[in-house]
Amino acid sequence: MATGKGGWYYQTVSQAIHREGDILQALDVLAKDVGIMGIFSDWPATVTYYANCMGLK
């Protein structure tokens, strides 16, 4: 089990997430470059903040 930097939730991307804004950049890549339609989050504030800033519904 990974600890620190988000623990289990961020274990696959922990080397790329260094600042709070990095998760927003990761969401941007997932939305624009990968084309995801939705994302699960236990703490939806980050995803909601991103969606509101980008005008997504």
PDB file of N, CA and C in Angstrom:
ATOM      1  N   MET A   1       0.844  -1.180   0.000  1.00  0.00           N
ATOM      2  CA  MET A   1       0.000   0.000   0.000  1.00  0.00           C
ATOM      3  C   MET A   1       0.888   1.241   0.000  1.00  0.00           C
ATOM      4  N   ALA A   2       0.619   2.138  -0.902  1.00  0.00           N
ATOM      5  CA  ALA A   2       1.383   3.381  -0.979  1.00  0.00           C
ATOM      6  C   ALA A   2       0.947   4.327   0.133  1.00  0.00           C
ATOM      7  N   THR A   3       1.882   5.094   0.645  1.00  0.00           N
ATOM      8  CA  THR A   3       1.556   6.063   1.682  1.00  0.00           C
ATOM      9  C   THR A   3       2.019   7.435   1.241  1.00  0.00           C
ATOM     10  N   GLY A   4       1.431   8.466   1.819  1.00  0.00           N
ATOM     11  CA  GLY A   4       1.814   9.826   1.469  1.00  0.00           C
ATOM     12  C   GLY A   4       1.358  10.173   0.057  1.00  0.00           C
ATOM     13  N   LYS A   5       1.320  11.434  -0.266  1.00  0.00           N
ATOM     14  CA  LYS A   5       0.948  11.911  -1.608  1.00  0.00           C
ATOM     15  C   LYS A   5      -0.348  11.291  -2.115  1.00  0.00           C
ATOM     16  N   GLY A   6      -1.322  11.130  -1.258  1.00  0.00           N
ATOM     17  CA  GLY A   6      -2.604  10.596  -1.693  1.00  0.00           C
ATOM     18  C   GLY A   6      -2.762   9.109  -1.495  1.00  0.00           C
ATOM     19  N   GLY A   7      -1.727   8.449  -1.016  1.00  0.00           N
ATOM     20  CA  GLY A   7      -1.833   7.020  -0.719  1.00  0.00           C
ATOM     21  C   GLY A   7      -2.262   6.191  -1.907  1.00  0.00           C
ATOM     22  N   TRP A   8      -3.196   5.301  -1.671  1.00  0.00           N
ATOM     23  CA  TRP A   8      -3.643   4.351  -2.671  1.00  0.00           C
ATOM     24  C   TRP A   8      -4.222   5.046  -3.891  1.00  0.00           C
ATOM     25  N   TYR A   9      -4.958   6.146  -3.707  1.00  0.00           N
ATOM     26  CA  TYR A   9      -5.637   6.808  -4.814  1.00  0.00           C
ATOM     27  C   TYR A   9      -4.681   7.332  -5.880  1.00  0.00           C
ATOM     28  N   TYR A  10      -3.527   7.814  -5.473  1.00  0.00           N
ATOM     29  CA  TYR A  10      -2.592   8.431  -6.417  1.00  0.00           C
ATOM     30  C   TYR A  10      -1.332   7.595  -6.636  1.00  0.00           C
ATOM     31  N   GLN A  11      -1.348   6.342  -6.231  1.00  0.00           N
ATOM     32  CA  GLN A  11      -0.138   5.535  -6.289  1.00  0.00           C
ATOM     33  C   GLN A  11       0.437   5.409  -7.701  1.00  0.00           C
ATOM     34  N   THR A  12      -0.400   5.415  -8.712  1.00  0.00           N
ATOM     35  CA  THR A  12       0.107   5.249 -10.080  1.00  0.00           C
ATOM     36  C   THR A  12       0.625   6.545 -10.686  1.00  0.00           C
ATOM     37  N   VAL A  13       0.289   7.691 -10.088  1.00  0.00           N
ATOM     38  CA  VAL A  13       0.727   8.975 -10.626  1.00  0.00           C
ATOM     39  C   VAL A  13       1.505   9.806  -9.601  1.00  0.00           C
ATOM     40  N   SER A  14       1.856   9.213  -8.474  1.00  0.00           N
ATOM     41  CA  SER A  14       2.491   9.972  -7.395  1.00  0.00           C
ATOM     42  C   SER A  14       3.810  10.628  -7.810  1.00  0.00           C
ATOM     43  N   GLN A  15       4.506  10.060  -8.774  1.00  0.00           N
ATOM     44  CA  GLN A  15       5.769  10.671  -9.214  1.00  0.00           C
ATOM     45  C   GLN A  15       5.530  11.918 -10.055  1.00  0.00           C
ATOM     46  N   ALA A  16       4.319  12.089 -10.593  1.00  0.00           N
ATOM     47  CA  ALA A  16       4.011  13.245 -11.435  1.00  0.00           C
ATOM     48  C   ALA A  16       3.273  14.353 -10.685  1.00  0.00           C
ATOM     49  N   ILE A  17       2.715  14.039  -9.514  1.00  0.00           N
ATOM     50  CA  ILE A  17       1.937  15.005  -8.744  1.00  0.00           C
ATOM     51  C   ILE A  17       2.821  15.565  -7.630  1.00  0.00           C
ATOM     52  N   HIS A  18       3.245  16.819  -7.803  1.00  0.00           N
ATOM     53  CA  HIS A  18       4.121  17.452  -6.812  1.00  0.00           C
ATOM     54  C   HIS A  18       3.460  18.646  -6.134  1.00  0.00           C
ATOM     55  N   ARG A  19       2.541  19.304  -6.854  1.00  0.00           N
ATOM     56  CA  ARG A  19       1.843  20.483  -6.321  1.00  0.00           C
ATOM     57  C   ARG A  19       0.348  20.260  -6.506  1.00  0.00           C
ATOM     58  N   GLU A  20      -0.449  21.047  -5.790  1.00  0.00           N
ATOM     59  CA  GLU A  20      -1.897  20.897  -5.894  1.00  0.00           C
ATOM     60  C   GLU A  20      -2.390  21.092  -7.319  1.00  0.00           C
ATOM     61  N   GLY A  21      -1.785  22.002  -8.069  1.00  0.00           N
ATOM     62  CA  GLY A  21      -2.206  22.262  -9.438  1.00  0.00           C
ATOM     63  C   GLY A  21      -1.914  21.130 -10.402  1.00  0.00           C
ATOM     64  N   ASP A  22      -1.001  20.243 -10.039  1.00  0.00           N
ATOM     65  CA  ASP A  22      -0.654  19.128 -10.925  1.00  0.00           C
ATOM     66  C   ASP A  22      -1.841  18.208 -11.181  1.00  0.00           C
ATOM     67  N   ILE A  23      -2.702  18.038 -10.185  1.00  0.00           N
ATOM     68  CA  ILE A  23      -3.863  17.168 -10.393  1.00  0.00           C
ATOM     69  C   ILE A  23      -4.823  17.803 -11.392  1.00  0.00           C
ATOM     70  N   LEU A  24      -4.905  19.142 -11.400  1.00  0.00           N
ATOM     71  CA  LEU A  24      -5.747  19.812 -12.389  1.00  0.00           C
ATOM     72  C   LEU A  24      -5.170  19.652 -13.793  1.00  0.00           C
ATOM     73  N   GLN A  25      -3.862  19.679 -13.911  1.00  0.00           N
ATOM     74  CA  GLN A  25      -3.229  19.441 -15.210  1.00  0.00           C
ATOM     75  C   GLN A  25      -3.480  18.002 -15.663  1.00  0.00           C
ATOM     76  N   ALA A  26      -3.436  17.067 -14.735  1.00  0.00           N
ATOM     77  CA  ALA A  26      -3.714  15.672 -15.081  1.00  0.00           C
ATOM     78  C   ALA A  26      -5.158  15.516 -15.544  1.00  0.00           C
ATOM     79  N   LEU A  27      -6.094  16.177 -14.866  1.00  0.00           N
ATOM     80  CA  LEU A  27      -7.490  16.144 -15.301  1.00  0.00           C
ATOM     81  C   LEU A  27      -7.652  16.749 -16.688  1.00  0.00           C
ATOM     82  N   ASP A  28      -6.909  17.814 -16.967  1.00  0.00           N
ATOM     83  CA  ASP A  28      -6.979  18.465 -18.268  1.00  0.00           C
ATOM     84  C   ASP A  28      -6.515  17.521 -19.374  1.00  0.00           C
ATOM     85  N   VAL A  29      -5.443  16.806 -19.135  1.00  0.00           N
ATOM     86  CA  VAL A  29      -4.943  15.829 -20.117  1.00  0.00           C
ATOM     87  C   VAL A  29      -5.966  14.719 -20.317  1.00  0.00           C
ATOM     88  N   LEU A  30      -6.531  14.224 -19.220  1.00  0.00           N
ATOM     89  CA  LEU A  30      -7.538  13.163 -19.337  1.00  0.00           C
ATOM     90  C   LEU A  30      -8.754  13.634 -20.125  1.00  0.00           C
ATOM     91  N   ALA A  31      -9.174  14.858 -19.886  1.00  0.00           N
ATOM     92  CA  ALA A  31     -10.368  15.379 -20.569  1.00  0.00           C
ATOM     93  C   ALA A  31     -10.100  15.707 -22.031  1.00  0.00           C
ATOM     94  N   LYS A  32      -9.000  16.396 -22.300  1.00  0.00           N
ATOM     95  CA  LYS A  32      -8.746  16.880 -23.669  1.00  0.00           C
ATOM     96  C   LYS A  32      -8.006  15.884 -24.556  1.00  0.00           C
ATOM     97  N   ASP A  33      -6.988  15.258 -24.030  1.00  0.00           N
ATOM     98  CA  ASP A  33      -6.161  14.376 -24.850  1.00  0.00           C
ATOM     99  C   ASP A  33      -6.658  12.933 -24.863  1.00  0.00           C
ATOM    100  N   VAL A  34      -7.125  12.450 -23.716  1.00  0.00           N
ATOM    101  CA  VAL A  34      -7.595  11.066 -23.633  1.00  0.00           C
ATOM    102  C   VAL A  34      -9.074  10.970 -24.004  1.00  0.00           C
ATOM    103  N   GLY A  35      -9.828  12.011 -23.663  1.00  0.00           N
ATOM    104  CA  GLY A  35     -11.240  12.041 -24.015  1.00  0.00           C
ATOM    105  C   GLY A  35     -12.168  11.322 -23.043  1.00  0.00           C
ATOM    106  N   ILE A  36     -11.806  11.277 -21.776  1.00  0.00           N
ATOM    107  CA  ILE A  36     -12.682  10.607 -20.818  1.00  0.00           C
ATOM    108  C   ILE A  36     -14.024  11.326 -20.733  1.00  0.00           C
ATOM    109  N   MET A  37     -15.052  10.591 -20.431  1.00  0.00           N
ATOM    110  CA  MET A  37     -16.405  11.145 -20.327  1.00  0.00           C
ATOM    111  C   MET A  37     -16.792  11.419 -18.880  1.00  0.00           C
ATOM    112  N   GLY A  38     -16.107  10.796 -17.931  1.00  0.00           N
ATOM    113  CA  GLY A  38     -16.407  10.971 -16.512  1.00  0.00           C
ATOM    114  C   GLY A  38     -15.262  10.447 -15.680  1.00  0.00           C
ATOM    115  N   ILE A  39     -15.271  10.810 -14.406  1.00  0.00           N
ATOM    116  CA  ILE A  39     -14.216  10.357 -13.504  1.00  0.00           C
ATOM    117  C   ILE A  39     -14.807  10.160 -12.119  1.00  0.00           C
ATOM    118  N   PHE A  40     -14.418   9.082 -11.450  1.00  0.00           N
ATOM    119  CA  PHE A  40     -14.866   8.820 -10.087  1.00  0.00           C
ATOM    120  C   PHE A  40     -13.946   9.549  -9.124  1.00  0.00           C
ATOM    121  N   SER A  41     -14.534  10.092  -8.079  1.00  0.00           N
ATOM    122  CA  SER A  41     -13.727  10.756  -7.056  1.00  0.00           C
ATOM    123  C   SER A  41     -14.434  10.660  -5.712  1.00  0.00           C
ATOM    124  N   ASP A  42     -13.695  10.252  -4.670  1.00  0.00           N
ATOM    125  CA  ASP A  42     -14.235  10.282  -3.312  1.00  0.00           C
ATOM    126  C   ASP A  42     -14.389  11.724  -2.842  1.00  0.00           C
ATOM    127  N   TRP A  43     -13.516  12.589  -3.320  1.00  0.00           N
ATOM    128  CA  TRP A  43     -13.545  14.000  -2.968  1.00  0.00           C
ATOM    129  C   TRP A  43     -13.783  14.773  -4.261  1.00  0.00           C
ATOM    130  N   PRO A  44     -15.030  15.004  -4.644  1.00  0.00           N
ATOM    131  CA  PRO A  44     -15.343  15.565  -5.949  1.00  0.00           C
ATOM    132  C   PRO A  44     -15.025  17.054  -6.114  1.00  0.00           C
ATOM    133  N   ALA A  45     -14.556  17.713  -5.081  1.00  0.00           N
ATOM    134  CA  ALA A  45     -14.305  19.159  -5.188  1.00  0.00           C
ATOM    135  C   ALA A  45     -13.319  19.491  -6.303  1.00  0.00           C
ATOM    136  N   THR A  46     -12.245  18.743  -6.442  1.00  0.00           N
ATOM    137  CA  THR A  46     -11.246  19.019  -7.468  1.00  0.00           C
ATOM    138  C   THR A  46     -11.836  18.846  -8.859  1.00  0.00           C
ATOM    139  N   VAL A  47     -12.563  17.762  -9.058  1.00  0.00           N
ATOM    140  CA  VAL A  47     -13.174  17.498 -10.355  1.00  0.00           C
ATOM    141  C   VAL A  47     -14.238  18.555 -10.667  1.00  0.00           C
ATOM    142  N   THR A  48     -15.039  18.920  -9.671  1.00  0.00           N
ATOM    143  CA  THR A  48     -16.072  19.942  -9.859  1.00  0.00           C
ATOM    144  C   THR A  48     -15.448  21.293 -10.171  1.00  0.00           C
ATOM    145  N   TYR A  49     -14.386  21.639  -9.457  1.00  0.00           N
ATOM    146  CA  TYR A  49     -13.682  22.902  -9.698  1.00  0.00           C
ATOM    147  C   TYR A  49     -13.173  22.950 -11.138  1.00  0.00           C
ATOM    148  N   TYR A  50     -12.539  21.876 -11.575  1.00  0.00           N
ATOM    149  CA  TYR A  50     -12.027  21.807 -12.945  1.00  0.00           C
ATOM    150  C   TYR A  50     -13.173  21.951 -13.947  1.00  0.00           C
ATOM    151  N   ALA A  51     -14.238  21.187 -13.753  1.00  0.00           N
ATOM    152  CA  ALA A  51     -15.370  21.214 -14.686  1.00  0.00           C
ATOM    153  C   ALA A  51     -15.999  22.614 -14.757  1.00  0.00           C
ATOM    154  N   ASN A  52     -16.137  23.259 -13.613  1.00  0.00           N
ATOM    155  CA  ASN A  52     -16.717  24.613 -13.604  1.00  0.00           C
ATOM    156  C   ASN A  52     -15.804  25.616 -14.301  1.00  0.00           C
ATOM    157  N   CYS A  53     -14.525  25.533 -14.067  1.00  0.00           N
ATOM    158  CA  CYS A  53     -13.575  26.461 -14.704  1.00  0.00           C
ATOM    159  C   CYS A  53     -13.527  26.271 -16.220  1.00  0.00           C
ATOM    160  N   MET A  54     -13.703  25.032 -16.666  1.00  0.00           N
ATOM    161  CA  MET A  54     -13.607  24.735 -18.090  1.00  0.00           C
ATOM    162  C   MET A  54     -14.970  24.771 -18.780  1.00  0.00           C
ATOM    163  N   GLY A  55     -16.028  25.077 -18.036  1.00  0.00           N
ATOM    164  CA  GLY A  55     -17.361  25.163 -18.627  1.00  0.00           C
ATOM    165  C   GLY A  55     -17.940  23.826 -19.031  1.00  0.00           C
ATOM    166  N   LEU A  56     -17.532  22.759 -18.356  1.00  0.00           N
ATOM    167  CA  LEU A  56     -18.026  21.414 -18.688  1.00  0.00           C
ATOM    168  C   LEU A  56     -19.316  21.135 -17.922  1.00  0.00           C
ATOM    169  N   LYS A  57     -20.106  20.214 -18.451  1.00  0.00           N
ATOM    170  CA  LYS A  57     -21.356  19.811 -17.784  1.00  0.00           C
ATOM    171  C   LYS A  57     -21.377  18.329 -17.602  1.00  0.00           C
TER     172      LYS A  57
END
